[in-house]
Each structure stands twice: as structure tokens, then as C-alpha cells.
Amino acid sequence: MLKRIRFLLAVAVTASAALMVPASPAQAAPTAYLDKTQWLVANPNSSMAKSCQSRSITLFEGSYGWGFVRGTEEIWLRNITLTSGTYTWEACLEPHNGIYYFTTVLDGPSVPADTDLWTTVSADGNWNWGSYLDPHF
């Protein structure tokens, strides 16, 4: 009889402990990147070649933070709401006199969207640059 009581007590304690363990939070969708590392000069000029990259990406419906990657920085540019589907994602960096003109475009099921900015780099060297999409769900 004592063994049965100990067994039932052990089961009750184990079940109670399992109920007190909090559920794991849902994992957010990972940030997507369209970036590359390339030699950039601190003082570009308009005669230098424009550099572009593109990829196909399948996205879920929702709101995304859309921004620019420069070195280790992620610079938010705007929020964008997209429908589900496959998109062509392009990012370009065009040298001008002393600065770079960055553009990024998403073309797919939603109305084509683009964003841009003027930027610089602090020194000649290999720089990571591109675009990112950060899901807000």
C-alpha cells in the first residue's frame, strides 16, 4: 500500500512539474539578406561600374522591415507589406562623385516596390553591402 501511495505521489509531482514548465515562444521568421562583399573605394566617381545582384525569394504574407546593409550595419529604410509568393529581389550600388547610390527592388505578386538611399564608405576596402527583409511576424 505504501508503494502505491509513493507511486501516485511521484506521478502527481511529475505531472505538476510538467504543467509549470512554460511553453517555448514561437520562433520568429529569420531575416533574409541579399548582400555581397566587394571592394569599394571611399571616394568613388561616376566612371566606375555599377554593381547589381539579384535572387528569387519566396515570402509569406505580412509586414517586413526593409533596409540597407553596409559593413556590419543594418540601416532600416521602411516597412513594407507583401502578399505571399515568389519575388525577384534586386539590389544595386552605383558610384557617383564621392558617394554611392543604393537601390533595391522587389518585383512579384505585390505591386513592385523599391527604395533607395545615398551612402558613403569610410575607407577603401572590402565592404559587405546589400539589402535585408526582416519579417515582423
N, C-alpha and C. Protein backbone atom coordinates (compact mmCIF):
# COMPACT_ATOMS: atom_id res chain seq x y z
N MET A 1 0.82 -1.19 0.00
CA MET A 1 0.00 0.00 0.00
C MET A 1 0.86 1.25 0.00
N LEU A 2 1.96 1.24 0.79
CA LEU A 2 2.86 2.38 0.86
C LEU A 2 3.54 2.61 -0.49
N LYS A 3 3.89 1.52 -1.21
CA LYS A 3 4.49 1.65 -2.54
C LYS A 3 3.52 2.32 -3.50
N ARG A 4 2.24 1.97 -3.42
CA ARG A 4 1.23 2.54 -4.30
C ARG A 4 1.08 4.04 -4.03
N ILE A 5 1.09 4.44 -2.76
CA ILE A 5 0.96 5.86 -2.40
C ILE A 5 2.18 6.63 -2.92
N ARG A 6 3.38 6.06 -2.75
CA ARG A 6 4.60 6.73 -3.25
C ARG A 6 4.55 6.87 -4.77
N PHE A 7 4.10 5.82 -5.45
CA PHE A 7 4.00 5.86 -6.91
C PHE A 7 3.03 6.96 -7.35
N LEU A 8 1.83 6.99 -6.74
CA LEU A 8 0.84 8.01 -7.10
C LEU A 8 1.35 9.42 -6.78
N LEU A 9 2.06 9.57 -5.68
CA LEU A 9 2.64 10.86 -5.31
C LEU A 9 3.69 11.27 -6.34
N ALA A 10 4.54 10.34 -6.77
CA ALA A 10 5.56 10.63 -7.77
C ALA A 10 4.93 11.05 -9.10
N VAL A 11 3.86 10.36 -9.51
CA VAL A 11 3.16 10.71 -10.74
C VAL A 11 2.56 12.11 -10.62
N ALA A 12 1.94 12.41 -9.49
CA ALA A 12 1.32 13.72 -9.28
C ALA A 12 2.37 14.84 -9.31
N VAL A 13 3.51 14.62 -8.66
CA VAL A 13 4.58 15.63 -8.64
C VAL A 13 5.13 15.85 -10.05
N THR A 14 5.36 14.76 -10.77
CA THR A 14 5.89 14.87 -12.13
C THR A 14 4.91 15.60 -13.04
N ALA A 15 3.64 15.28 -12.94
CA ALA A 15 2.62 15.95 -13.76
C ALA A 15 2.52 17.43 -13.41
N SER A 16 2.58 17.75 -12.13
CA SER A 16 2.53 19.16 -11.72
C SER A 16 3.73 19.93 -12.23
N ALA A 17 4.90 19.32 -12.17
CA ALA A 17 6.11 19.98 -12.65
C ALA A 17 6.02 20.22 -14.15
N ALA A 18 5.49 19.27 -14.89
CA ALA A 18 5.35 19.43 -16.34
C ALA A 18 4.41 20.58 -16.68
N LEU A 19 3.38 20.78 -15.88
CA LEU A 19 2.45 21.87 -16.14
C LEU A 19 3.07 23.23 -15.85
N MET A 20 4.06 23.28 -14.97
CA MET A 20 4.68 24.55 -14.62
C MET A 20 5.74 24.99 -15.62
N VAL A 21 6.21 24.12 -16.50
CA VAL A 21 7.21 24.48 -17.49
C VAL A 21 6.54 25.36 -18.54
N PRO A 22 7.04 26.58 -18.74
CA PRO A 22 6.41 27.46 -19.73
C PRO A 22 6.61 26.92 -21.14
N ALA A 23 5.65 27.20 -21.98
CA ALA A 23 5.75 26.79 -23.37
C ALA A 23 6.85 27.60 -24.05
N SER A 24 7.52 27.01 -25.00
CA SER A 24 8.55 27.73 -25.75
C SER A 24 7.89 28.80 -26.61
N PRO A 25 8.47 29.99 -26.66
CA PRO A 25 7.90 31.02 -27.51
C PRO A 25 8.07 30.64 -28.97
N ALA A 26 7.17 31.12 -29.81
CA ALA A 26 7.25 30.85 -31.24
C ALA A 26 8.50 31.50 -31.80
N GLN A 27 9.15 30.81 -32.69
CA GLN A 27 10.34 31.36 -33.32
C GLN A 27 9.92 32.34 -34.43
N ALA A 28 10.51 33.52 -34.44
CA ALA A 28 10.24 34.48 -35.49
C ALA A 28 10.91 34.00 -36.77
N ALA A 29 10.33 34.37 -37.89
CA ALA A 29 10.94 34.03 -39.17
C ALA A 29 12.29 34.74 -39.27
N PRO A 30 13.30 34.10 -39.85
CA PRO A 30 14.62 34.73 -39.91
C PRO A 30 14.67 35.89 -40.91
N THR A 31 15.58 36.80 -40.66
CA THR A 31 15.81 37.92 -41.58
C THR A 31 16.47 37.36 -42.84
N ALA A 32 16.00 37.83 -44.00
CA ALA A 32 16.56 37.42 -45.28
C ALA A 32 17.52 38.50 -45.78
N TYR A 33 18.60 38.08 -46.43
CA TYR A 33 19.61 39.02 -46.92
C TYR A 33 19.89 38.82 -48.40
N LEU A 34 20.12 39.91 -49.07
CA LEU A 34 20.65 39.92 -50.43
C LEU A 34 21.88 40.82 -50.34
N ASP A 35 23.04 40.23 -50.04
CA ASP A 35 24.23 41.03 -49.80
C ASP A 35 25.45 40.34 -50.38
N LYS A 36 26.50 41.13 -50.52
CA LYS A 36 27.76 40.58 -51.00
C LYS A 36 28.89 41.45 -50.49
N THR A 37 30.09 40.89 -50.49
CA THR A 37 31.28 41.62 -50.11
C THR A 37 32.04 41.98 -51.38
N GLN A 38 32.42 43.26 -51.46
CA GLN A 38 33.04 43.78 -52.67
C GLN A 38 34.01 44.90 -52.30
N TRP A 39 35.06 45.06 -53.11
CA TRP A 39 36.00 46.16 -52.90
C TRP A 39 35.30 47.46 -53.27
N LEU A 40 35.26 48.39 -52.32
CA LEU A 40 34.69 49.71 -52.56
C LEU A 40 35.72 50.75 -52.17
N VAL A 41 35.70 51.88 -52.86
CA VAL A 41 36.62 52.98 -52.54
C VAL A 41 35.87 54.07 -51.82
N ALA A 42 36.57 54.77 -50.95
CA ALA A 42 35.95 55.82 -50.15
C ALA A 42 35.58 57.04 -50.99
N ASN A 43 36.24 57.21 -52.14
CA ASN A 43 35.95 58.36 -52.99
C ASN A 43 35.64 57.90 -54.41
N PRO A 44 34.44 57.32 -54.62
CA PRO A 44 34.11 56.80 -55.95
C PRO A 44 33.84 57.94 -56.94
N ASN A 45 33.84 57.59 -58.23
CA ASN A 45 33.46 58.56 -59.26
C ASN A 45 32.50 57.93 -60.24
N SER A 46 31.83 58.74 -61.00
CA SER A 46 30.75 58.29 -61.90
C SER A 46 31.23 57.39 -63.02
N SER A 47 32.52 57.35 -63.29
CA SER A 47 33.00 56.48 -64.37
C SER A 47 33.15 55.02 -63.92
N MET A 48 33.00 54.77 -62.63
CA MET A 48 33.11 53.40 -62.11
C MET A 48 31.85 52.60 -62.42
N ALA A 49 32.00 51.29 -62.52
CA ALA A 49 30.88 50.42 -62.88
C ALA A 49 29.86 50.27 -61.75
N LYS A 50 28.61 50.20 -62.16
CA LYS A 50 27.51 49.90 -61.25
C LYS A 50 27.57 48.41 -60.92
N SER A 51 27.25 48.05 -59.68
CA SER A 51 27.26 46.65 -59.27
C SER A 51 25.86 46.26 -58.82
N CYS A 52 25.34 45.15 -59.36
CA CYS A 52 24.00 44.68 -59.01
C CYS A 52 24.04 43.19 -58.67
N GLN A 53 23.07 42.79 -57.91
CA GLN A 53 22.88 41.38 -57.57
C GLN A 53 21.37 41.14 -57.48
N SER A 54 20.96 39.91 -57.74
CA SER A 54 19.53 39.60 -57.63
C SER A 54 19.34 38.14 -57.26
N ARG A 55 18.16 37.85 -56.76
CA ARG A 55 17.81 36.47 -56.43
C ARG A 55 16.30 36.35 -56.40
N SER A 56 15.85 35.13 -56.50
CA SER A 56 14.43 34.81 -56.36
C SER A 56 14.20 34.42 -54.90
N ILE A 57 13.11 34.91 -54.32
CA ILE A 57 12.83 34.61 -52.91
C ILE A 57 11.32 34.41 -52.74
N THR A 58 10.95 33.39 -51.98
CA THR A 58 9.55 33.13 -51.67
C THR A 58 9.27 33.70 -50.28
N LEU A 59 8.25 34.56 -50.20
CA LEU A 59 7.93 35.25 -48.96
C LEU A 59 6.50 34.95 -48.52
N PHE A 60 6.28 34.99 -47.21
CA PHE A 60 4.94 34.86 -46.66
C PHE A 60 4.27 36.22 -46.61
N GLU A 61 2.95 36.22 -46.60
CA GLU A 61 2.21 37.47 -46.47
C GLU A 61 2.50 38.10 -45.12
N GLY A 62 2.70 39.40 -45.12
CA GLY A 62 2.93 40.09 -43.86
C GLY A 62 3.72 41.36 -44.02
N SER A 63 4.08 41.92 -42.88
CA SER A 63 4.83 43.17 -42.83
C SER A 63 6.31 42.87 -42.61
N TYR A 64 7.16 43.59 -43.31
CA TYR A 64 8.60 43.41 -43.23
C TYR A 64 9.28 44.76 -43.02
N GLY A 65 10.36 44.74 -42.27
CA GLY A 65 11.27 45.87 -42.24
C GLY A 65 12.22 45.69 -43.41
N TRP A 66 12.43 46.73 -44.19
CA TRP A 66 13.25 46.64 -45.39
C TRP A 66 14.38 47.63 -45.25
N GLY A 67 15.59 47.19 -45.47
CA GLY A 67 16.69 48.10 -45.25
C GLY A 67 17.93 47.80 -46.04
N PHE A 68 18.97 48.53 -45.68
CA PHE A 68 20.26 48.54 -46.35
C PHE A 68 21.32 47.97 -45.42
N VAL A 69 22.18 47.13 -45.97
CA VAL A 69 23.31 46.57 -45.24
C VAL A 69 24.58 47.27 -45.73
N ARG A 70 25.36 47.81 -44.78
CA ARG A 70 26.66 48.42 -45.10
C ARG A 70 27.62 48.00 -44.01
N GLY A 71 28.62 47.21 -44.38
CA GLY A 71 29.53 46.68 -43.37
C GLY A 71 28.75 45.78 -42.42
N THR A 72 28.84 46.08 -41.13
CA THR A 72 28.08 45.31 -40.14
C THR A 72 26.78 46.00 -39.75
N GLU A 73 26.50 47.15 -40.35
CA GLU A 73 25.28 47.90 -40.04
C GLU A 73 24.08 47.40 -40.84
N GLU A 74 22.92 47.43 -40.21
CA GLU A 74 21.65 47.22 -40.90
C GLU A 74 20.85 48.50 -40.72
N ILE A 75 20.67 49.23 -41.80
CA ILE A 75 20.02 50.54 -41.75
C ILE A 75 18.59 50.39 -42.24
N TRP A 76 17.63 50.56 -41.32
CA TRP A 76 16.21 50.44 -41.68
C TRP A 76 15.84 51.58 -42.61
N LEU A 77 15.11 51.24 -43.69
CA LEU A 77 14.66 52.26 -44.62
C LEU A 77 13.15 52.47 -44.55
N ARG A 78 12.39 51.36 -44.47
CA ARG A 78 10.93 51.49 -44.39
C ARG A 78 10.31 50.14 -44.09
N ASN A 79 9.03 50.17 -43.71
CA ASN A 79 8.24 48.95 -43.58
C ASN A 79 7.49 48.73 -44.88
N ILE A 80 7.28 47.46 -45.21
CA ILE A 80 6.57 47.11 -46.43
C ILE A 80 5.66 45.93 -46.13
N THR A 81 4.47 45.94 -46.69
CA THR A 81 3.53 44.82 -46.53
C THR A 81 3.45 44.09 -47.86
N LEU A 82 3.67 42.77 -47.82
CA LEU A 82 3.72 41.96 -49.03
C LEU A 82 2.70 40.83 -48.97
N THR A 83 2.24 40.40 -50.13
CA THR A 83 1.40 39.21 -50.22
C THR A 83 2.32 38.00 -50.41
N SER A 84 1.80 36.82 -50.14
CA SER A 84 2.59 35.60 -50.30
C SER A 84 2.95 35.39 -51.76
N GLY A 85 4.12 34.83 -51.99
CA GLY A 85 4.51 34.49 -53.35
C GLY A 85 6.01 34.57 -53.55
N THR A 86 6.41 34.37 -54.79
CA THR A 86 7.81 34.41 -55.17
C THR A 86 8.12 35.76 -55.81
N TYR A 87 9.20 36.36 -55.35
CA TYR A 87 9.62 37.68 -55.78
C TYR A 87 11.01 37.62 -56.40
N THR A 88 11.29 38.56 -57.30
CA THR A 88 12.65 38.82 -57.75
C THR A 88 13.13 40.01 -56.94
N TRP A 89 14.24 39.81 -56.25
CA TRP A 89 14.79 40.82 -55.36
C TRP A 89 16.12 41.27 -55.94
N GLU A 90 16.27 42.57 -56.16
CA GLU A 90 17.49 43.11 -56.75
C GLU A 90 18.03 44.25 -55.89
N ALA A 91 19.34 44.34 -55.79
CA ALA A 91 20.00 45.44 -55.10
C ALA A 91 21.17 45.91 -55.97
N CYS A 92 21.33 47.23 -56.08
CA CYS A 92 22.41 47.79 -56.89
C CYS A 92 23.12 48.91 -56.13
N LEU A 93 24.39 49.06 -56.41
CA LEU A 93 25.20 50.12 -55.85
C LEU A 93 25.88 50.82 -57.03
N GLU A 94 25.58 52.10 -57.19
CA GLU A 94 26.09 52.86 -58.33
C GLU A 94 26.99 53.99 -57.84
N PRO A 95 28.29 53.97 -58.23
CA PRO A 95 29.20 55.02 -57.81
C PRO A 95 28.87 56.36 -58.47
N HIS A 96 28.97 57.41 -57.71
CA HIS A 96 28.88 58.79 -58.21
C HIS A 96 30.08 59.54 -57.65
N ASN A 97 30.15 60.80 -57.85
CA ASN A 97 31.31 61.57 -57.39
C ASN A 97 31.30 61.72 -55.88
N GLY A 98 32.08 60.83 -55.19
CA GLY A 98 32.23 60.87 -53.74
C GLY A 98 31.21 60.09 -52.95
N ILE A 99 30.18 59.56 -53.60
CA ILE A 99 29.12 58.82 -52.90
C ILE A 99 28.64 57.65 -53.75
N TYR A 100 27.84 56.79 -53.12
CA TYR A 100 27.22 55.67 -53.82
C TYR A 100 25.70 55.83 -53.75
N TYR A 101 25.04 55.48 -54.84
CA TYR A 101 23.58 55.47 -54.88
C TYR A 101 23.14 54.02 -54.79
N PHE A 102 22.42 53.66 -53.72
CA PHE A 102 21.96 52.30 -53.47
C PHE A 102 20.48 52.21 -53.82
N THR A 103 20.09 51.18 -54.57
CA THR A 103 18.68 50.92 -54.86
C THR A 103 18.38 49.45 -54.59
N THR A 104 17.16 49.18 -54.18
CA THR A 104 16.71 47.79 -54.04
C THR A 104 15.26 47.71 -54.50
N VAL A 105 14.92 46.62 -55.19
CA VAL A 105 13.60 46.44 -55.80
C VAL A 105 13.09 45.05 -55.48
N LEU A 106 11.80 44.96 -55.17
CA LEU A 106 11.09 43.68 -55.03
C LEU A 106 10.01 43.65 -56.09
N ASP A 107 10.05 42.66 -56.96
CA ASP A 107 9.05 42.54 -58.02
C ASP A 107 8.41 41.16 -57.91
N GLY A 108 7.09 41.13 -57.74
CA GLY A 108 6.39 39.86 -57.57
C GLY A 108 4.90 40.06 -57.48
N PRO A 109 4.22 39.22 -56.68
CA PRO A 109 2.76 39.27 -56.58
C PRO A 109 2.21 40.62 -56.09
N SER A 110 2.93 41.28 -55.19
CA SER A 110 2.51 42.61 -54.75
C SER A 110 2.94 43.62 -55.80
N VAL A 111 2.44 44.82 -55.70
CA VAL A 111 2.88 45.88 -56.60
C VAL A 111 4.41 46.00 -56.45
N PRO A 112 5.16 46.12 -57.54
CA PRO A 112 6.61 46.26 -57.40
C PRO A 112 6.95 47.40 -56.45
N ALA A 113 7.94 47.15 -55.61
CA ALA A 113 8.33 48.14 -54.60
C ALA A 113 9.82 48.41 -54.72
N ASP A 114 10.20 49.64 -54.44
CA ASP A 114 11.62 49.98 -54.45
C ASP A 114 11.91 50.98 -53.34
N THR A 115 13.17 51.04 -52.99
CA THR A 115 13.63 52.02 -52.02
C THR A 115 15.09 52.31 -52.34
N ASP A 116 15.57 53.45 -51.88
CA ASP A 116 16.94 53.86 -52.23
C ASP A 116 17.51 54.80 -51.17
N LEU A 117 18.82 55.02 -51.28
CA LEU A 117 19.49 55.99 -50.43
C LEU A 117 20.86 56.31 -51.01
N TRP A 118 21.40 57.45 -50.60
CA TRP A 118 22.77 57.83 -50.92
C TRP A 118 23.62 57.43 -49.73
N THR A 119 24.80 56.87 -49.97
CA THR A 119 25.64 56.41 -48.87
C THR A 119 27.12 56.59 -49.21
N THR A 120 27.95 56.45 -48.21
CA THR A 120 29.40 56.51 -48.38
C THR A 120 30.03 55.35 -47.63
N VAL A 121 31.30 55.11 -47.89
CA VAL A 121 32.09 54.19 -47.06
C VAL A 121 33.27 54.99 -46.53
N SER A 122 33.71 54.65 -45.34
CA SER A 122 34.72 55.46 -44.65
C SER A 122 36.15 55.24 -45.15
N ALA A 123 36.41 54.11 -45.78
CA ALA A 123 37.77 53.81 -46.25
C ALA A 123 37.71 52.79 -47.37
N ASP A 124 38.73 52.81 -48.23
CA ASP A 124 38.84 51.78 -49.26
C ASP A 124 38.92 50.41 -48.59
N GLY A 125 38.27 49.42 -49.18
CA GLY A 125 38.38 48.07 -48.63
C GLY A 125 37.24 47.18 -49.07
N ASN A 126 37.26 45.96 -48.57
CA ASN A 126 36.18 45.01 -48.84
C ASN A 126 35.02 45.35 -47.92
N TRP A 127 33.90 45.69 -48.51
CA TRP A 127 32.70 46.08 -47.77
C TRP A 127 31.57 45.13 -48.10
N ASN A 128 30.84 44.74 -47.07
CA ASN A 128 29.61 43.99 -47.27
C ASN A 128 28.50 45.02 -47.50
N TRP A 129 27.73 44.84 -48.55
CA TRP A 129 26.63 45.75 -48.83
C TRP A 129 25.47 44.97 -49.42
N GLY A 130 24.26 45.51 -49.30
CA GLY A 130 23.09 44.86 -49.87
C GLY A 130 21.82 45.30 -49.18
N SER A 131 20.87 44.38 -49.17
CA SER A 131 19.53 44.66 -48.65
C SER A 131 19.10 43.55 -47.71
N TYR A 132 18.16 43.88 -46.80
CA TYR A 132 17.61 42.86 -45.93
C TYR A 132 16.11 43.03 -45.80
N LEU A 133 15.42 41.93 -45.48
CA LEU A 133 13.99 41.91 -45.20
C LEU A 133 13.82 41.23 -43.84
N ASP A 134 13.28 41.98 -42.89
CA ASP A 134 13.11 41.48 -41.53
C ASP A 134 11.60 41.25 -41.28
N PRO A 135 11.14 40.00 -41.25
CA PRO A 135 9.72 39.71 -41.04
C PRO A 135 9.25 40.21 -39.67
N HIS A 136 8.11 40.85 -39.63
CA HIS A 136 7.53 41.32 -38.38
C HIS A 136 6.43 40.36 -37.91
N PHE A 137 6.69 39.08 -38.01
CA PHE A 137 5.72 38.06 -37.55
C PHE A 137 6.46 36.85 -37.07
